[in-house]
C-alpha atoms as a PDB file:
ATOM      1  CA  UNK A   1      16.042  -4.508  -3.871  1.00  0.00           C
ATOM      2  CA  UNK A   2      15.352  -2.205  -0.611  1.00  0.00           C
ATOM      3  CA  UNK A   3      16.983  -3.548   2.587  1.00  0.00           C
ATOM      4  CA  UNK A   4      16.259  -2.014   6.022  1.00  0.00           C
ATOM      5  CA  UNK A   5      18.126  -3.328   8.978  1.00  0.00           C
ATOM      6  CA  UNK A   6      16.644  -1.594  12.513  1.00  0.00           C
ATOM      7  CA  UNK A   7      16.480   1.304  10.803  1.00  0.00           C
ATOM      8  CA  UNK A   8      15.646   3.965  13.155  1.00  0.00           C
ATOM      9  CA  UNK A   9      14.646   7.922  12.826  1.00  0.00           C
ATOM     10  CA  UNK A  10      14.327  10.267  15.725  1.00  0.00           C
ATOM     11  CA  UNK A  11      13.608  13.859  15.194  1.00  0.00           C
ATOM     12  CA  UNK A  12      14.609  15.948  18.176  1.00  0.00           C
ATOM     13  CA  UNK A  13      12.953  18.994  17.837  1.00  0.00           C
ATOM     14  CA  UNK A  14       9.580  19.832  18.787  1.00  0.00           C
ATOM     15  CA  UNK A  15       7.777  20.714  22.217  1.00  0.00           C
ATOM     16  CA  UNK A  16       6.753  17.426  22.875  1.00  0.00           C
ATOM     17  CA  UNK A  17      10.462  16.309  22.957  1.00  0.00           C
ATOM     18  CA  UNK A  18      11.752  13.554  20.709  1.00  0.00           C
ATOM     19  CA  UNK A  19       9.705  12.183  17.822  1.00  0.00           C
ATOM     20  CA  UNK A  20      10.302   8.413  17.083  1.00  0.00           C
ATOM     21  CA  UNK A  21       9.123   8.349  13.217  1.00  0.00           C
ATOM     22  CA  UNK A  22      10.516   5.128  12.448  1.00  0.00           C
ATOM     23  CA  UNK A  23      11.313   2.608  14.975  1.00  0.00           C
ATOM     24  CA  UNK A  24      13.806  -0.045  14.601  1.00  0.00           C
ATOM     25  CA  UNK A  25      11.907  -1.368  11.404  1.00  0.00           C
ATOM     26  CA  UNK A  26      13.694  -4.395   9.256  1.00  0.00           C
ATOM     27  CA  UNK A  27      12.357  -5.629   5.897  1.00  0.00           C
ATOM     28  CA  UNK A  28      13.227  -6.279   2.459  1.00  0.00           C
ATOM     29  CA  UNK A  29      11.321  -5.037  -0.861  1.00  0.00           C
ATOM     30  CA  UNK A  30      12.347  -7.665  -3.407  1.00  0.00           C
ATOM     31  CA  UNK A  31      12.778  -7.869  -7.089  1.00  0.00           C
ATOM     32  CA  UNK A  32       9.962  -9.001  -9.320  1.00  0.00           C
ATOM     33  CA  UNK A  33       7.197  -7.717  -7.332  1.00  0.00           C
ATOM     34  CA  UNK A  34       5.117  -4.971  -6.390  1.00  0.00           C
ATOM     35  CA  UNK A  35       5.558  -4.483  -2.583  1.00  0.00           C
ATOM     36  CA  UNK A  36       2.864  -2.207  -1.186  1.00  0.00           C
ATOM     37  CA  UNK A  37       3.489   0.157   1.613  1.00  0.00           C
ATOM     38  CA  UNK A  38       0.727   1.203   3.887  1.00  0.00           C
ATOM     39  CA  UNK A  39       0.055   2.677   6.984  1.00  0.00           C
ATOM     40  CA  UNK A  40      -2.134   5.592   8.485  1.00  0.00           C
ATOM     41  CA  UNK A  41      -0.780   9.007   8.115  1.00  0.00           C
ATOM     42  CA  UNK A  42       2.069   9.541  10.459  1.00  0.00           C
ATOM     43  CA  UNK A  43       3.264   5.809  10.372  1.00  0.00           C
ATOM     44  CA  UNK A  44       6.471   6.683   9.119  1.00  0.00           C
ATOM     45  CA  UNK A  45       6.236   5.743   5.272  1.00  0.00           C
ATOM     46  CA  UNK A  46       7.298   8.929   3.602  1.00  0.00           C
ATOM     47  CA  UNK A  47      10.113   9.277   6.222  1.00  0.00           C
ATOM     48  CA  UNK A  48      11.257   5.796   5.302  1.00  0.00           C
ATOM     49  CA  UNK A  49      11.296   6.260   1.585  1.00  0.00           C
ATOM     50  CA  UNK A  50      13.280   9.321   2.240  1.00  0.00           C
ATOM     51  CA  UNK A  51      15.487   7.775   4.209  1.00  0.00           C
ATOM     52  CA  UNK A  52      16.272   5.312   1.276  1.00  0.00           C
ATOM     53  CA  UNK A  53      16.675   8.093  -1.518  1.00  0.00           C
ATOM     54  CA  UNK A  54      19.551   9.347   1.171  1.00  0.00           C
ATOM     55  CA  UNK A  55      17.257  12.590   1.900  1.00  0.00           C
ATOM     56  CA  UNK A  56      17.561  12.095   5.202  1.00  0.00           C
ATOM     57  CA  UNK A  57      19.905  10.296   7.534  1.00  0.00           C
ATOM     58  CA  UNK A  58      19.116   7.298  10.069  1.00  0.00           C
ATOM     59  CA  UNK A  59      19.373   8.101  13.811  1.00  0.00           C
ATOM     60  CA  UNK A  60      20.602   4.448  13.777  1.00  0.00           C
ATOM     61  CA  UNK A  61      20.318   1.377  11.425  1.00  0.00           C
ATOM     62  CA  UNK A  62      20.497   1.435   7.860  1.00  0.00           C
ATOM     63  CA  UNK A  63      18.724   0.957   4.401  1.00  0.00           C
ATOM     64  CA  UNK A  64      20.178  -0.078   1.175  1.00  0.00           C
ATOM     65  CA  UNK A  65      19.223   0.046  -2.272  1.00  0.00           C
ATOM     66  CA  UNK A  66      20.678  -2.633  -4.686  1.00  0.00           C
ATOM     67  CA  UNK A  67      23.166  -3.169  -1.861  1.00  0.00           C
ATOM     68  CA  UNK A  68      24.323   0.035  -0.977  1.00  0.00           C
ATOM     69  CA  UNK A  69      23.203   3.655   0.394  1.00  0.00           C
ATOM     70  CA  UNK A  70      21.897   5.482  -2.555  1.00  0.00           C
ATOM     71  CA  UNK A  71      24.617   7.936  -2.197  1.00  0.00           C
ATOM     72  CA  UNK A  72      27.376   5.717  -2.423  1.00  0.00           C
ATOM     73  CA  UNK A  73      26.324   4.529  -5.801  1.00  0.00           C
ATOM     74  CA  UNK A  74      28.361   6.159  -8.794  1.00  0.00           C
ATOM     75  CA  UNK A  75      25.185   6.654 -10.888  1.00  0.00           C
ATOM     76  CA  UNK A  76      22.098   6.883  -8.345  1.00  0.00           C
ATOM     77  CA  UNK A  77      19.825   7.546 -10.703  1.00  0.00           C
ATOM     78  CA  UNK A  78      20.246   4.574 -12.662  1.00  0.00           C
ATOM     79  CA  UNK A  79      19.965   2.292  -9.599  1.00  0.00           C
ATOM     80  CA  UNK A  80      16.742   4.022  -8.090  1.00  0.00           C
ATOM     81  CA  UNK A  81      14.228   6.204  -9.650  1.00  0.00           C
ATOM     82  CA  UNK A  82      11.433   7.716  -6.803  1.00  0.00           C
ATOM     83  CA  UNK A  83       8.378   9.939  -6.709  1.00  0.00           C
ATOM     84  CA  UNK A  84       7.978  11.451  -3.534  1.00  0.00           C
ATOM     85  CA  UNK A  85       7.143  15.270  -4.229  1.00  0.00           C
ATOM     86  CA  UNK A  86       5.482  15.603  -7.662  1.00  0.00           C
ATOM     87  CA  UNK A  87       5.462  19.203  -7.253  1.00  0.00           C
ATOM     88  CA  UNK A  88       9.194  19.397  -6.880  1.00  0.00           C
ATOM     89  CA  UNK A  89      10.159  21.078 -10.155  1.00  0.00           C
ATOM     90  CA  UNK A  90      11.248  24.031 -11.406  1.00  0.00           C
ATOM     91  CA  UNK A  91       7.622  26.090 -12.801  1.00  0.00           C
ATOM     92  CA  UNK A  92       9.308  27.917 -15.199  1.00  0.00           C
ATOM     93  CA  UNK A  93      10.750  24.906 -17.171  1.00  0.00           C
ATOM     94  CA  UNK A  94       8.698  23.157 -19.480  1.00  0.00           C
ATOM     95  CA  UNK A  95       8.432  19.241 -18.951  1.00  0.00           C
ATOM     96  CA  UNK A  96      10.954  18.646 -21.543  1.00  0.00           C
ATOM     97  CA  UNK A  97      13.400  20.940 -20.487  1.00  0.00           C
ATOM     98  CA  UNK A  98      12.879  19.483 -16.663  1.00  0.00           C
ATOM     99  CA  UNK A  99      13.831  15.966 -18.112  1.00  0.00           C
ATOM    100  CA  UNK A 100      16.473  17.190 -19.939  1.00  0.00           C
ATOM    101  CA  UNK A 101      18.217  18.601 -17.159  1.00  0.00           C
ATOM    102  CA  UNK A 102      18.018  15.604 -15.110  1.00  0.00           C
ATOM    103  CA  UNK A 103      19.151  13.715 -17.950  1.00  0.00           C
ATOM    104  CA  UNK A 104      21.970  15.563 -18.754  1.00  0.00           C
ATOM    105  CA  UNK A 105      23.091  16.028 -14.659  1.00  0.00           C
ATOM    106  CA  UNK A 106      23.329  12.120 -14.673  1.00  0.00           C
ATOM    107  CA  UNK A 107      24.886  11.418 -17.775  1.00  0.00           C
ATOM    108  CA  UNK A 108      21.685   9.963 -19.551  1.00  0.00           C
ATOM    109  CA  UNK A 109      21.459  10.070 -23.431  1.00  0.00           C
ATOM    110  CA  UNK A 110      19.021  12.830 -24.573  1.00  0.00           C
ATOM    111  CA  UNK A 111      16.950  10.446 -26.334  1.00  0.00           C
ATOM    112  CA  UNK A 112      15.462   8.427 -23.330  1.00  0.00           C
ATOM    113  CA  UNK A 113      13.906  11.794 -22.626  1.00  0.00           C
ATOM    114  CA  UNK A 114      11.978  11.612 -25.389  1.00  0.00           C
ATOM    115  CA  UNK A 115      11.165   7.721 -24.664  1.00  0.00           C
ATOM    116  CA  UNK A 116       9.953   8.560 -21.209  1.00  0.00           C
ATOM    117  CA  UNK A 117       7.748  11.458 -22.695  1.00  0.00           C
ATOM    118  CA  UNK A 118       6.069   8.755 -24.830  1.00  0.00           C
ATOM    119  CA  UNK A 119       5.626   6.243 -22.023  1.00  0.00           C
ATOM    120  CA  UNK A 120       3.993   8.871 -19.446  1.00  0.00           C
ATOM    121  CA  UNK A 121       1.780  10.291 -22.228  1.00  0.00           C
ATOM    122  CA  UNK A 122       3.188  13.726 -21.744  1.00  0.00           C
ATOM    123  CA  UNK A 123       3.768  14.429 -25.611  1.00  0.00           C
ATOM    124  CA  UNK A 124       0.859  16.690 -26.247  1.00  0.00           C
ATOM    125  CA  UNK A 125       2.042  19.267 -22.757  1.00  0.00           C
ATOM    126  CA  UNK A 126       6.004  18.411 -22.905  1.00  0.00           C
ATOM    127  CA  UNK A 127       6.587  21.586 -24.345  1.00  0.00           C
ATOM    128  CA  UNK A 128       4.282  23.587 -21.835  1.00  0.00           C
ATOM    129  CA  UNK A 129       5.645  25.142 -18.704  1.00  0.00           C
ATOM    130  CA  UNK A 130       5.407  23.057 -15.912  1.00  0.00           C
ATOM    131  CA  UNK A 131       3.238  26.027 -13.924  1.00  0.00           C
ATOM    132  CA  UNK A 132       0.472  25.436 -15.755  1.00  0.00           C
ATOM    133  CA  UNK A 133       0.419  21.671 -15.233  1.00  0.00           C
ATOM    134  CA  UNK A 134      -2.558  19.855 -13.222  1.00  0.00           C
ATOM    135  CA  UNK A 135      -1.537  17.631 -10.514  1.00  0.00           C
ATOM    136  CA  UNK A 136      -1.832  14.558 -12.813  1.00  0.00           C
ATOM    137  CA  UNK A 137       0.150  16.112 -15.243  1.00  0.00           C
ATOM    138  CA  UNK A 138       2.958  16.757 -12.263  1.00  0.00           C
ATOM    139  CA  UNK A 139       2.463  13.125 -11.569  1.00  0.00           C
ATOM    140  CA  UNK A 140       3.479  11.638 -14.738  1.00  0.00           C
ATOM    141  CA  UNK A 141       6.267  13.773 -15.007  1.00  0.00           C
ATOM    142  CA  UNK A 142       7.395  12.943 -11.634  1.00  0.00           C
ATOM    143  CA  UNK A 143       7.278   9.216 -12.724  1.00  0.00           C
ATOM    144  CA  UNK A 144       8.556  10.262 -15.927  1.00  0.00           C
ATOM    145  CA  UNK A 145      11.903  11.521 -14.148  1.00  0.00           C
ATOM    146  CA  UNK A 146      11.742   8.305 -11.996  1.00  0.00           C
ATOM    147  CA  UNK A 147      12.245   6.177 -14.917  1.00  0.00           C
ATOM    148  CA  UNK A 148      14.767   8.420 -16.771  1.00  0.00           C
ATOM    149  CA  UNK A 149      17.831   6.208 -15.709  1.00  0.00           C
ATOM    150  CA  UNK A 150      16.010   2.947 -16.365  1.00  0.00           C
ATOM    151  CA  UNK A 151      16.768   1.799 -12.888  1.00  0.00           C
ATOM    152  CA  UNK A 152      16.251  -1.485 -11.269  1.00  0.00           C
ATOM    153  CA  UNK A 153      14.213   0.200  -8.231  1.00  0.00           C
ATOM    154  CA  UNK A 154      11.310   2.424  -8.058  1.00  0.00           C
ATOM    155  CA  UNK A 155       9.674   4.032  -5.047  1.00  0.00           C
ATOM    156  CA  UNK A 156       6.605   5.374  -5.454  1.00  0.00           C
ATOM    157  CA  UNK A 157       5.017   7.771  -2.766  1.00  0.00           C
ATOM    158  CA  UNK A 158       1.447   7.982  -3.718  1.00  0.00           C
ATOM    159  CA  UNK A 159       1.933   8.251  -7.434  1.00  0.00           C
ATOM    160  CA  UNK A 160      -1.749   8.240  -8.557  1.00  0.00           C
ATOM    161  CA  UNK A 161      -2.462  11.398  -6.866  1.00  0.00           C
ATOM    162  CA  UNK A 162      -4.579  13.766  -9.022  1.00  0.00           C
ATOM    163  CA  UNK A 163      -4.723  11.085 -11.974  1.00  0.00           C
ATOM    164  CA  UNK A 164      -8.228  10.241 -13.555  1.00  0.00           C
ATOM    165  CA  UNK A 165      -9.397   6.605 -13.646  1.00  0.00           C
ATOM    166  CA  UNK A 166      -7.227   6.210 -17.133  1.00  0.00           C
ATOM    167  CA  UNK A 167      -4.106   7.342 -15.479  1.00  0.00           C
ATOM    168  CA  UNK A 168      -4.737   5.387 -12.206  1.00  0.00           C
ATOM    169  CA  UNK A 169      -4.974   2.327 -14.318  1.00  0.00           C
ATOM    170  CA  UNK A 170      -2.206   3.041 -16.364  1.00  0.00           C
ATOM    171  CA  UNK A 171       0.067   3.648 -13.057  1.00  0.00           C
ATOM    172  CA  UNK A 172      -1.389   0.078 -12.075  1.00  0.00           C
ATOM    173  CA  UNK A 173      -0.255  -1.317 -15.154  1.00  0.00           C
ATOM    174  CA  UNK A 174       2.880   0.331 -15.171  1.00  0.00           C
ATOM    175  CA  UNK A 175       3.846  -1.029 -11.983  1.00  0.00           C
ATOM    176  CA  UNK A 176       2.929  -4.501 -12.893  1.00  0.00           C
ATOM    177  CA  UNK A 177       4.873  -4.117 -15.785  1.00  0.00           C
ATOM    178  CA  UNK A 178       8.296  -2.878 -14.051  1.00  0.00           C
ATOM    179  CA  UNK A 179       8.049  -5.601 -11.457  1.00  0.00           C
ATOM    180  CA  UNK A 180       7.384  -8.437 -14.447  1.00  0.00           C
ATOM    181  CA  UNK A 181      10.548  -6.852 -15.636  1.00  0.00           C
ATOM    182  CA  UNK A 182      12.572  -8.189 -12.678  1.00  0.00           C
ATOM    183  CA  UNK A 183      12.446  -4.712 -10.901  1.00  0.00           C
ATOM    184  CA  UNK A 184      11.995  -3.815  -7.402  1.00  0.00           C
ATOM    185  CA  UNK A 185       8.826  -1.390  -7.047  1.00  0.00           C
ATOM    186  CA  UNK A 186       7.903  -0.113  -3.465  1.00  0.00           C
ATOM    187  CA  UNK A 187       4.921   1.748  -3.961  1.00  0.00           C
ATOM    188  CA  UNK A 188       2.443   3.451  -1.134  1.00  0.00           C
ATOM    189  CA  UNK A 189      -0.861   4.808  -1.572  1.00  0.00           C
ATOM    190  CA  UNK A 190      -4.170   5.113   0.553  1.00  0.00           C
ATOM    191  CA  UNK A 191      -6.465   3.648  -2.319  1.00  0.00           C
ATOM    192  CA  UNK A 192      -6.889   0.028  -1.031  1.00  0.00           C
ATOM    193  CA  UNK A 193      -9.016  -0.995  -3.873  1.00  0.00           C
ATOM    194  CA  UNK A 194      -5.960  -0.010  -6.207  1.00  0.00           C
ATOM    195  CA  UNK A 195      -3.328  -1.593  -4.145  1.00  0.00           C
ATOM    196  CA  UNK A 196      -5.418  -4.828  -3.837  1.00  0.00           C
ATOM    197  CA  UNK A 197      -5.338  -4.923  -7.604  1.00  0.00           C
ATOM    198  CA  UNK A 198      -1.610  -3.615  -7.895  1.00  0.00           C
ATOM    199  CA  UNK A 199       0.725  -5.305  -4.875  1.00  0.00           C
ATOM    200  CA  UNK A 200       1.862  -9.277  -4.206  1.00  0.00           C
ATOM    201  CA  UNK A 201       3.263  -8.273  -1.055  1.00  0.00           C
ATOM    202  CA  UNK A 202       2.603  -5.992   1.965  1.00  0.00           C
ATOM    203  CA  UNK A 203       4.506  -4.313   4.591  1.00  0.00           C
ATOM    204  CA  UNK A 204       2.243  -2.207   6.919  1.00  0.00           C
ATOM    205  CA  UNK A 205       3.366   0.685   9.435  1.00  0.00           C
ATOM    206  CA  UNK A 206       2.047   1.969  12.336  1.00  0.00           C
ATOM    207  CA  UNK A 207       3.567   4.548  14.760  1.00  0.00           C
ATOM    208  CA  UNK A 208       6.610   3.853  13.189  1.00  0.00           C
ATOM    209  CA  UNK A 209       6.528   0.082  13.675  1.00  0.00           C
ATOM    210  CA  UNK A 210       5.947  -2.806  11.420  1.00  0.00           C
ATOM    211  CA  UNK A 211       2.518  -4.113  11.879  1.00  0.00           C
ATOM    212  CA  UNK A 212       2.774  -6.868   9.097  1.00  0.00           C
ATOM    213  CA  UNK A 213       4.858  -7.772   6.271  1.00  0.00           C
ATOM    214  CA  UNK A 214       3.472 -10.820   4.204  1.00  0.00           C
ATOM    215  CA  UNK A 215       1.881 -11.603   0.959  1.00  0.00           C
ATOM    216  CA  UNK A 216      -1.158  -9.512   0.095  1.00  0.00           C
ATOM    217  CA  UNK A 217      -3.203 -12.821   0.053  1.00  0.00           C
ATOM    218  CA  UNK A 218      -2.145 -13.648   3.374  1.00  0.00           C
ATOM    219  CA  UNK A 219      -2.546 -10.699   4.991  1.00  0.00           C
ATOM    220  CA  UNK A 220      -6.175 -10.300   3.978  1.00  0.00           C
ATOM    221  CA  UNK A 221      -6.762 -13.797   5.092  1.00  0.00           C
ATOM    222  CA  UNK A 222      -4.883 -13.406   8.701  1.00  0.00           C
ATOM    223  CA  UNK A 223      -6.181  -9.946   9.542  1.00  0.00           C
ATOM    224  CA  UNK A 224      -9.884 -10.495   8.278  1.00  0.00           C
ATOM    225  CA  UNK A 225     -10.293 -13.965   9.551  1.00  0.00           C
ATOM    226  CA  UNK A 226     -12.048 -16.661   8.178  1.00  0.00           C
ATOM    227  CA  UNK A 227     -15.652 -15.962   7.624  1.00  0.00           C
ATOM    228  CA  UNK A 228     -18.206 -18.550   5.849  1.00  0.00           C
ATOM    229  CA  UNK A 229     -22.253 -17.379   5.718  1.00  0.00           C
ATOM    230  CA  UNK A 230     -24.483 -20.588   6.516  1.00  0.00           C
ATOM    231  CA  UNK A 231     -28.141 -21.194   5.961  1.00  0.00           C
ATOM    232  CA  UNK A 232     -29.883 -23.723   7.443  1.00  0.00           C
ATOM    233  CA  UNK A 233     -33.590 -24.612   8.688  1.00  0.00           C
ATOM    234  CA  UNK A 234     -31.676 -25.948  11.905  1.00  0.00           C
ATOM    235  CA  UNK A 235     -29.711 -22.707  12.208  1.00  0.00           C
ATOM    236  CA  UNK A 236     -30.186 -22.614  16.305  1.00  0.00           C
ATOM    237  CA  UNK A 237     -29.008 -25.978  17.086  1.00  0.00           C
ATOM    238  CA  UNK A 238     -26.094 -25.695  14.378  1.00  0.00           C
ATOM    239  CA  UNK A 239     -24.917 -22.506  16.187  1.00  0.00           C
ATOM    240  CA  UNK A 240     -24.773 -23.933  19.318  1.00  0.00           C
ATOM    241  CA  UNK A 241     -22.697 -26.654  17.921  1.00  0.00           C
ATOM    242  CA  UNK A 242     -20.320 -24.114  16.135  1.00  0.00           C
ATOM    243  CA  UNK A 243     -19.696 -22.061  19.208  1.00  0.00           C
ATOM    244  CA  UNK A 244     -16.283 -21.715  20.827  1.00  0.00           C
ATOM    245  CA  UNK A 245     -13.931 -19.661  22.653  1.00  0.00           C
ATOM    246  CA  UNK A 246     -12.368 -18.770  19.164  1.00  0.00           C
ATOM    247  CA  UNK A 247     -15.321 -18.903  16.813  1.00  0.00           C
ATOM    248  CA  UNK A 248     -17.741 -16.070  16.327  1.00  0.00           C
ATOM    249  CA  UNK A 249     -21.181 -16.931  15.296  1.00  0.00           C
ATOM    250  CA  UNK A 250     -23.338 -14.242  14.264  1.00  0.00           C
ATOM    251  CA  UNK A 251     -27.321 -14.731  13.237  1.00  0.00           C
ATOM    252  CA  UNK A 252     -28.570 -12.347  10.419  1.00  0.00           C
ATOM    253  CA  UNK A 253     -32.145 -14.147  10.598  1.00  0.00           C
ATOM    254  CA  UNK A 254     -34.044 -17.122  11.838  1.00  0.00           C
ATOM    255  CA  UNK A 255     -32.227 -19.432   9.141  1.00  0.00           C
ATOM    256  CA  UNK A 256     -29.076 -17.477   8.389  1.00  0.00           C
ATOM    257  CA  UNK A 257     -25.906 -16.903  10.240  1.00  0.00           C
ATOM    258  CA  UNK A 258     -21.992 -15.915   9.700  1.00  0.00           C
ATOM    259  CA  UNK A 259     -19.124 -17.562  11.155  1.00  0.00           C
ATOM    260  CA  UNK A 260     -15.725 -16.369  12.010  1.00  0.00           C
ATOM    261  CA  UNK A 261     -12.886 -18.656  13.083  1.00  0.00           C
ATOM    262  CA  UNK A 262     -14.116 -21.854  11.031  1.00  0.00           C
ATOM    263  CA  UNK A 263     -13.714 -22.770   7.463  1.00  0.00           C
ATOM    264  CA  UNK A 264     -16.537 -24.140   5.348  1.00  0.00           C
ATOM    265  CA  UNK A 265     -15.443 -28.070   5.340  1.00  0.00           C
ATOM    266  CA  UNK A 266     -15.212 -27.827   9.256  1.00  0.00           C
ATOM    267  CA  UNK A 267     -19.029 -26.407   9.308  1.00  0.00           C
ATOM    268  CA  UNK A 268     -20.024 -28.929   6.861  1.00  0.00           C
ATOM    269  CA  UNK A 269     -19.038 -31.500   9.265  1.00  0.00           C
ATOM    270  CA  UNK A 270     -20.323 -30.370  12.428  1.00  0.00           C
ATOM    271  CA  UNK A 271     -23.582 -30.033  10.637  1.00  0.00           C
ATOM    272  CA  UNK A 272     -23.438 -33.624   9.657  1.00  0.00           C
ATOM    273  CA  UNK A 273     -22.599 -34.925  13.016  1.00  0.00           C
ATOM    274  CA  UNK A 274     -25.802 -33.295  14.303  1.00  0.00           C
ATOM    275  CA  UNK A 275     -27.897 -34.135  11.314  1.00  0.00           C
ATOM    276  CA  UNK A 276     -28.392 -30.683  10.647  1.00  0.00           C
ATOM    277  CA  UNK A 277     -29.994 -29.491   6.983  1.00  0.00           C
ATOM    278  CA  UNK A 278     -27.553 -26.988   5.163  1.00  0.00           C
ATOM    279  CA  UNK A 279     -28.943 -24.907   2.392  1.00  0.00           C
ATOM    280  CA  UNK A 280     -26.093 -22.525   1.992  1.00  0.00           C
ATOM    281  CA  UNK A 281     -22.169 -22.823   2.941  1.00  0.00           C
ATOM    282  CA  UNK A 282     -20.475 -19.725   1.192  1.00  0.00           C
ATOM    283  CA  UNK A 283     -17.065 -18.485   2.231  1.00  0.00           C
ATOM    284  CA  UNK A 284     -16.691 -14.774   2.251  1.00  0.00           C
ATOM    285  CA  UNK A 285     -13.233 -12.909   1.606  1.00  0.00           C
ATOM    286  CA  UNK A 286     -12.466 -10.120   3.674  1.00  0.00           C
ATOM    287  CA  UNK A 287     -11.549  -6.744   1.671  1.00  0.00           C
ATOM    288  CA  UNK A 288      -8.071  -5.340   1.792  1.00  0.00           C
ATOM    289  CA  UNK A 289      -9.731  -2.252   3.244  1.00  0.00           C
ATOM    290  CA  UNK A 290     -11.712  -3.977   6.134  1.00  0.00           C
ATOM    291  CA  UNK A 291      -8.221  -5.987   6.789  1.00  0.00           C
ATOM    292  CA  UNK A 292      -6.197  -2.893   6.846  1.00  0.00           C
ATOM    293  CA  UNK A 293      -8.679  -1.181   9.191  1.00  0.00           C
ATOM    294  CA  UNK A 294      -9.013  -3.580  11.718  1.00  0.00           C
ATOM    295  CA  UNK A 295      -5.172  -3.947  11.981  1.00  0.00           C
ATOM    296  CA  UNK A 296      -4.418  -0.401  12.012  1.00  0.00           C
ATOM    297  CA  UNK A 297      -6.897   0.881  14.002  1.00  0.00           C
ATOM    298  CA  UNK A 298      -4.797   1.632  17.291  1.00  0.00           C
ATOM    299  CA  UNK A 299      -2.130   2.948  15.172  1.00  0.00           C
ATOM    300  CA  UNK A 300      -4.123   6.003  13.911  1.00  0.00           C
ATOM    301  CA  UNK A 301      -3.033   9.310  15.314  1.00  0.00           C
ATOM    302  CA  UNK A 302      -5.973  11.309  13.970  1.00  0.00           C
ATOM    303  CA  UNK A 303      -9.494  10.010  13.774  1.00  0.00           C
ATOM    304  CA  UNK A 304     -12.596  12.159  12.515  1.00  0.00           C
ATOM    305  CA  UNK A 305     -15.458  11.350  14.936  1.00  0.00           C
ATOM    306  CA  UNK A 306     -18.348   9.318  13.741  1.00  0.00           C
ATOM    307  CA  UNK A 307     -16.532   8.615  10.443  1.00  0.00           C
ATOM    308  CA  UNK A 308     -13.735   6.000  11.132  1.00  0.00           C
ATOM    309  CA  UNK A 309     -14.855   2.392  11.724  1.00  0.00           C
ATOM    310  CA  UNK A 310     -14.906   1.243  15.095  1.00  0.00           C
ATOM    311  CA  UNK A 311     -12.618  -1.150  16.649  1.00  0.00           C
ATOM    312  CA  UNK A 312     -13.677  -4.420  15.975  1.00  0.00           C
ATOM    313  CA  UNK A 313     -14.282  -6.121  19.371  1.00  0.00           C
ATOM    314  CA  UNK A 314     -17.815  -7.492  20.435  1.00  0.00           C
ATOM    315  CA  UNK A 315     -19.967  -9.271  17.702  1.00  0.00           C
ATOM    316  CA  UNK A 316     -23.462  -8.077  17.160  1.00  0.00           C
ATOM    317  CA  UNK A 317     -26.547  -8.915  19.270  1.00  0.00           C
ATOM    318  CA  UNK A 318     -27.017 -12.246  17.493  1.00  0.00           C
ATOM    319  CA  UNK A 319     -23.287 -13.522  18.266  1.00  0.00           C
ATOM    320  CA  UNK A 320     -22.745 -16.320  20.461  1.00  0.00           C
ATOM    321  CA  UNK A 321     -19.594 -15.073  21.847  1.00  0.00           C
ATOM    322  CA  UNK A 322     -16.967 -11.930  21.110  1.00  0.00           C
ATOM    323  CA  UNK A 323     -14.434 -11.569  18.467  1.00  0.00           C
ATOM    324  CA  UNK A 324     -10.962 -10.438  19.326  1.00  0.00           C
ATOM    325  CA  UNK A 325      -8.797  -7.764  18.187  1.00  0.00           C
ATOM    326  CA  UNK A 326      -6.443  -8.388  15.180  1.00  0.00           C
ATOM    327  CA  UNK A 327      -2.418  -8.620  16.543  1.00  0.00           C
ATOM    328  CA  UNK A 328       0.438  -7.388  14.316  1.00  0.00           C
ATOM    329  CA  UNK A 329       1.163  -9.627  11.733  1.00  0.00           C
ATOM    330  CA  UNK A 330       4.714 -11.107  10.274  1.00  0.00           C
ATOM    331  CA  UNK A 331       5.459 -13.897   7.509  1.00  0.00           C
ATOM    332  CA  UNK A 332       8.698 -15.301   6.412  1.00  0.00           C
ATOM    333  CA  UNK A 333       4.730   0.307 -23.704  1.00  0.00           C
ATOM    334  CA  UNK A 334       2.233   2.058 -21.904  1.00  0.00           C
ATOM    335  CA  UNK A 335       0.748   5.361 -22.616  1.00  0.00           C
ATOM    336  CA  UNK A 336      -2.171   7.573 -21.860  1.00  0.00           C
ATOM    337  CA  UNK A 337      -3.361  11.214 -22.327  1.00  0.00           C
ATOM    338  CA  UNK A 338      -2.348  13.232 -19.997  1.00  0.00           C
ATOM    339  CA  UNK A 339      -4.490  16.109 -20.782  1.00  0.00           C
ATOM    340  CA  UNK A 340      -7.318  14.381 -19.441  1.00  0.00           C
ATOM    341  CA  UNK A 341      -5.802  14.029 -15.696  1.00  0.00           C
ATOM    342  CA  UNK A 342      -7.707  16.081 -13.197  1.00  0.00           C
ATOM    343  CA  UNK A 343      -6.551  18.076 -10.502  1.00  0.00           C
ATOM    344  CA  UNK A 344      -7.323  16.570  -7.145  1.00  0.00           C
ATOM    345  CA  UNK A 345      -6.361  17.492  -3.597  1.00  0.00           C
ATOM    346  CA  UNK A 346      -3.351  16.201  -2.337  1.00  0.00           C
ATOM    347  CA  UNK A 347      -3.389  13.580   0.605  1.00  0.00           C
ATOM    348  CA  UNK A 348      -2.160  15.057   4.052  1.00  0.00           C
ATOM    349  CA  UNK A 349       1.251  14.483   5.889  1.00  0.00           C
ATOM    350  CA  UNK A 350       2.240  10.303   5.981  1.00  0.00           C
END
């Protein structure tokens, strides 16, 4: 379990003065589930993970792993494993040597190294020097190091960087398996499609603060809103009947429109009240990516002109009223061939 309480980190260097990278955040990543850790670049995700691993010290507040700061555990690698920088290996060593050094340092049996090599699919390259590894191979080696102590808690920062589709799927299955075994898994990624298939719960950061902390399904529903596609030969009359201050009705054509803010049952009831004929009434589910972009729009520090979706504000010309912005949200043996992984560009600092 990972528990943060009023965790704050302020960096004092720089011309612009103190930078509050993490601002009094409190959260719990619980055992038995994959907690997705999301946020734009600069949101504080990596800083929080470094604080959890004892690689940096909080300015105030605390963060513990399995009840204690990492540095106070007698055998840290048996408590928590992390992938924070897949390239942090000695280039002259082989993958097997790298894992053996870690195992020896932490009192872990050598046979565990062989088990981890098999688990991560590194068997064919384990005796090759790390300097010849692709980014994907390095990712697998980093994951292997994290698994070496068979820890109860795992922290993965962008673990699918450089992996081919098979490797991405392997990481997804691994994370789900670890959670199913009752372990805590905290996972960050910019790939919303993968996060939607992997995470049970989401914590979203923006400018060092928590914007959302809730189950994945609840996040999509809350941030995306209730959307229903309606088709009726009496569209004009029905659109008027459905209009309200907190409802957005957007016309697609003469008979089809979309409603945000009312569920299908309520729309059907209104249609019956005015005797409007209904030909289609289809609930639409907002994607995780859409919900995430809406929530984090104001927390993005660096935006590419013309490429980032605009902030959801006014509806299209066919709408009968404007949609509001989304507020912060809160709420109570696997193997694969490493040689197939392709080198990919790493994401920016986050």
